[in-house]
Amino acid sequence: MKDFIKKSAVVYSKAQKEIEKAAKKLLKNKKINKKEAEEMFAKFLEASKKTEKKLHDQIKKETKKFTKKVEKVKEKNLIA
């Protein structure tokens, strides 16, 4: 699980850098203006927050399922 979270953070960081790099290049080449670059980055951040929430909810759900399984095993071992 830790590796997955670390890899996710690395991917996010790389994506953020690529978005910034692309926005700067587009600005430099006058393909977009500053406002459009800011909007592009804001959309990326918004999408990232939604993805982060989904990931957090999924991890929470899986953790609860795992905890329930561990509790059942503990109960069976105490009863037996």
N, C-alpha and C. Protein backbone atom coordinates (compact mmCIF):
# COMPACT_ATOMS: atom_id res chain seq x y z
N MET A 1 0.83 -1.19 0.00
CA MET A 1 0.00 0.00 0.00
C MET A 1 0.87 1.25 0.00
N LYS A 2 1.94 1.24 0.81
CA LYS A 2 2.82 2.40 0.87
C LYS A 2 3.44 2.67 -0.49
N ASP A 3 3.86 1.60 -1.17
CA ASP A 3 4.46 1.77 -2.50
C ASP A 3 3.48 2.40 -3.47
N PHE A 4 2.23 1.96 -3.40
CA PHE A 4 1.21 2.51 -4.29
C PHE A 4 1.03 4.00 -4.04
N ILE A 5 0.98 4.38 -2.79
CA ILE A 5 0.80 5.80 -2.44
C ILE A 5 2.02 6.61 -2.88
N LYS A 6 3.21 6.07 -2.65
CA LYS A 6 4.43 6.76 -3.09
C LYS A 6 4.45 6.94 -4.60
N LYS A 7 4.10 5.88 -5.32
CA LYS A 7 4.09 5.95 -6.79
C LYS A 7 3.04 6.95 -7.27
N SER A 8 1.91 6.99 -6.61
CA SER A 8 0.86 7.94 -6.98
C SER A 8 1.35 9.37 -6.79
N ALA A 9 2.06 9.61 -5.71
CA ALA A 9 2.59 10.95 -5.44
C ALA A 9 3.62 11.34 -6.50
N VAL A 10 4.45 10.40 -6.90
CA VAL A 10 5.45 10.67 -7.93
C VAL A 10 4.78 10.97 -9.26
N VAL A 11 3.79 10.19 -9.62
CA VAL A 11 3.06 10.41 -10.88
C VAL A 11 2.39 11.77 -10.86
N TYR A 12 1.76 12.12 -9.74
CA TYR A 12 1.11 13.42 -9.61
C TYR A 12 2.12 14.55 -9.77
N SER A 13 3.25 14.40 -9.12
CA SER A 13 4.29 15.43 -9.19
C SER A 13 4.80 15.62 -10.62
N LYS A 14 5.03 14.50 -11.29
CA LYS A 14 5.49 14.56 -12.68
C LYS A 14 4.43 15.21 -13.58
N ALA A 15 3.18 14.83 -13.37
CA ALA A 15 2.11 15.41 -14.18
C ALA A 15 2.00 16.91 -13.96
N GLN A 16 2.13 17.32 -12.71
CA GLN A 16 2.05 18.74 -12.39
C GLN A 16 3.18 19.50 -13.09
N LYS A 17 4.38 18.94 -13.06
CA LYS A 17 5.52 19.58 -13.73
C LYS A 17 5.31 19.65 -15.24
N GLU A 18 4.74 18.60 -15.81
CA GLU A 18 4.49 18.58 -17.25
C GLU A 18 3.44 19.62 -17.65
N ILE A 19 2.41 19.76 -16.82
CA ILE A 19 1.37 20.77 -17.08
C ILE A 19 1.99 22.16 -17.04
N GLU A 20 2.81 22.41 -16.03
CA GLU A 20 3.48 23.72 -15.92
C GLU A 20 4.38 23.97 -17.12
N LYS A 21 5.13 22.95 -17.49
CA LYS A 21 6.05 23.06 -18.63
C LYS A 21 5.27 23.35 -19.92
N ALA A 22 4.18 22.63 -20.13
CA ALA A 22 3.37 22.82 -21.33
C ALA A 22 2.75 24.21 -21.35
N ALA A 23 2.27 24.65 -20.20
CA ALA A 23 1.66 25.98 -20.13
C ALA A 23 2.69 27.07 -20.44
N LYS A 24 3.89 26.93 -19.88
CA LYS A 24 4.94 27.92 -20.14
C LYS A 24 5.32 27.94 -21.63
N LYS A 25 5.39 26.77 -22.22
CA LYS A 25 5.74 26.68 -23.65
C LYS A 25 4.65 27.33 -24.51
N LEU A 26 3.41 27.05 -24.18
CA LEU A 26 2.30 27.65 -24.93
C LEU A 26 2.28 29.16 -24.76
N LEU A 27 2.57 29.62 -23.54
CA LEU A 27 2.64 31.07 -23.28
C LEU A 27 3.78 31.70 -24.09
N LYS A 28 4.92 31.05 -24.05
CA LYS A 28 6.08 31.57 -24.76
C LYS A 28 5.82 31.68 -26.27
N ASN A 29 5.15 30.67 -26.80
CA ASN A 29 4.83 30.65 -28.24
C ASN A 29 3.57 31.43 -28.58
N LYS A 30 3.01 32.08 -27.56
CA LYS A 30 1.81 32.91 -27.71
C LYS A 30 0.61 32.13 -28.27
N LYS A 31 0.54 30.86 -27.90
CA LYS A 31 -0.60 30.02 -28.30
C LYS A 31 -1.77 30.24 -27.35
N ILE A 32 -1.45 30.59 -26.09
CA ILE A 32 -2.47 30.92 -25.09
C ILE A 32 -2.00 32.15 -24.32
N ASN A 33 -2.97 32.77 -23.62
CA ASN A 33 -2.59 33.91 -22.78
C ASN A 33 -2.45 33.44 -21.33
N LYS A 34 -2.04 34.34 -20.47
CA LYS A 34 -1.79 34.00 -19.06
C LYS A 34 -3.04 33.46 -18.37
N LYS A 35 -4.18 34.08 -18.67
CA LYS A 35 -5.44 33.65 -18.05
C LYS A 35 -5.76 32.20 -18.45
N GLU A 36 -5.57 31.87 -19.72
CA GLU A 36 -5.84 30.51 -20.19
C GLU A 36 -4.89 29.50 -19.54
N ALA A 37 -3.65 29.90 -19.36
CA ALA A 37 -2.67 29.02 -18.69
C ALA A 37 -3.10 28.77 -17.25
N GLU A 38 -3.54 29.82 -16.57
CA GLU A 38 -4.00 29.68 -15.19
C GLU A 38 -5.23 28.79 -15.11
N GLU A 39 -6.14 28.94 -16.08
CA GLU A 39 -7.35 28.11 -16.11
C GLU A 39 -6.98 26.64 -16.34
N MET A 40 -6.02 26.41 -17.23
CA MET A 40 -5.57 25.05 -17.51
C MET A 40 -5.02 24.41 -16.24
N PHE A 41 -4.20 25.14 -15.52
CA PHE A 41 -3.61 24.62 -14.29
C PHE A 41 -4.69 24.42 -13.23
N ALA A 42 -5.64 25.34 -13.15
CA ALA A 42 -6.72 25.23 -12.17
C ALA A 42 -7.57 23.98 -12.44
N LYS A 43 -7.83 23.70 -13.71
CA LYS A 43 -8.59 22.50 -14.06
C LYS A 43 -7.84 21.24 -13.66
N PHE A 44 -6.52 21.26 -13.87
CA PHE A 44 -5.71 20.12 -13.47
C PHE A 44 -5.79 19.92 -11.96
N LEU A 45 -5.67 21.00 -11.20
CA LEU A 45 -5.74 20.89 -9.74
C LEU A 45 -7.10 20.38 -9.27
N GLU A 46 -8.16 20.86 -9.91
CA GLU A 46 -9.51 20.42 -9.56
C GLU A 46 -9.67 18.93 -9.83
N ALA A 47 -9.22 18.50 -10.99
CA ALA A 47 -9.31 17.08 -11.33
C ALA A 47 -8.46 16.25 -10.37
N SER A 48 -7.31 16.77 -9.99
CA SER A 48 -6.43 16.06 -9.05
C SER A 48 -7.10 15.90 -7.70
N LYS A 49 -7.79 16.93 -7.24
CA LYS A 49 -8.46 16.87 -5.94
C LYS A 49 -9.57 15.82 -5.97
N LYS A 50 -10.31 15.76 -7.08
CA LYS A 50 -11.37 14.75 -7.20
C LYS A 50 -10.77 13.35 -7.19
N THR A 51 -9.69 13.18 -7.92
CA THR A 51 -9.02 11.88 -7.96
C THR A 51 -8.48 11.50 -6.60
N GLU A 52 -7.90 12.47 -5.90
CA GLU A 52 -7.37 12.23 -4.57
C GLU A 52 -8.48 11.79 -3.62
N LYS A 53 -9.64 12.44 -3.70
CA LYS A 53 -10.75 12.07 -2.83
C LYS A 53 -11.22 10.64 -3.13
N LYS A 54 -11.33 10.32 -4.42
CA LYS A 54 -11.74 8.96 -4.80
C LYS A 54 -10.75 7.93 -4.27
N LEU A 55 -9.46 8.23 -4.41
CA LEU A 55 -8.43 7.32 -3.94
C LEU A 55 -8.50 7.18 -2.42
N HIS A 56 -8.66 8.29 -1.73
CA HIS A 56 -8.77 8.26 -0.27
C HIS A 56 -9.97 7.41 0.16
N ASP A 57 -11.11 7.61 -0.50
CA ASP A 57 -12.32 6.85 -0.17
C ASP A 57 -12.11 5.36 -0.42
N GLN A 58 -11.44 5.03 -1.52
CA GLN A 58 -11.19 3.63 -1.85
C GLN A 58 -10.26 2.99 -0.82
N ILE A 59 -9.21 3.70 -0.44
CA ILE A 59 -8.28 3.17 0.57
C ILE A 59 -9.00 2.97 1.90
N LYS A 60 -9.84 3.92 2.26
CA LYS A 60 -10.60 3.82 3.51
C LYS A 60 -11.52 2.59 3.48
N LYS A 61 -12.19 2.39 2.35
CA LYS A 61 -13.10 1.26 2.19
C LYS A 61 -12.34 -0.06 2.30
N GLU A 62 -11.21 -0.17 1.60
CA GLU A 62 -10.42 -1.39 1.63
C GLU A 62 -9.84 -1.65 3.02
N THR A 63 -9.45 -0.59 3.70
CA THR A 63 -8.91 -0.73 5.06
C THR A 63 -9.98 -1.28 6.00
N LYS A 64 -11.20 -0.78 5.86
CA LYS A 64 -12.31 -1.26 6.70
C LYS A 64 -12.58 -2.74 6.43
N LYS A 65 -12.58 -3.13 5.14
CA LYS A 65 -12.81 -4.53 4.79
C LYS A 65 -11.73 -5.42 5.40
N PHE A 66 -10.48 -4.97 5.29
CA PHE A 66 -9.37 -5.74 5.85
C PHE A 66 -9.49 -5.86 7.36
N THR A 67 -9.83 -4.77 8.01
CA THR A 67 -9.97 -4.76 9.47
C THR A 67 -11.07 -5.73 9.90
N LYS A 68 -12.18 -5.75 9.17
CA LYS A 68 -13.26 -6.69 9.51
C LYS A 68 -12.79 -8.14 9.38
N LYS A 69 -12.01 -8.43 8.34
CA LYS A 69 -11.51 -9.79 8.16
C LYS A 69 -10.58 -10.18 9.30
N VAL A 70 -9.72 -9.26 9.71
CA VAL A 70 -8.81 -9.53 10.82
C VAL A 70 -9.60 -9.77 12.09
N GLU A 71 -10.63 -8.98 12.33
CA GLU A 71 -11.45 -9.16 13.53
C GLU A 71 -12.14 -10.52 13.52
N LYS A 72 -12.63 -10.95 12.35
CA LYS A 72 -13.28 -12.28 12.26
C LYS A 72 -12.29 -13.39 12.58
N VAL A 73 -11.07 -13.27 12.06
CA VAL A 73 -10.04 -14.27 12.33
C VAL A 73 -9.72 -14.29 13.82
N LYS A 74 -9.61 -13.14 14.43
CA LYS A 74 -9.34 -13.07 15.88
C LYS A 74 -10.45 -13.74 16.67
N GLU A 75 -11.71 -13.48 16.26
CA GLU A 75 -12.85 -14.09 16.96
C GLU A 75 -12.81 -15.61 16.83
N LYS A 76 -12.54 -16.10 15.62
CA LYS A 76 -12.50 -17.55 15.40
C LYS A 76 -11.39 -18.18 16.23
N ASN A 77 -10.25 -17.53 16.30
CA ASN A 77 -9.14 -18.08 17.07
C ASN A 77 -9.42 -18.05 18.58
N LEU A 78 -10.15 -17.08 19.03
CA LEU A 78 -10.49 -17.01 20.46
C LEU A 78 -11.55 -18.04 20.82
N ILE A 79 -12.47 -18.30 19.90
CA ILE A 79 -13.54 -19.26 20.15
C ILE A 79 -13.02 -20.69 20.07
N ALA A 80 -12.17 -20.96 19.14
CA ALA A 80 -11.71 -22.33 18.90
C ALA A 80 -10.78 -22.85 19.96
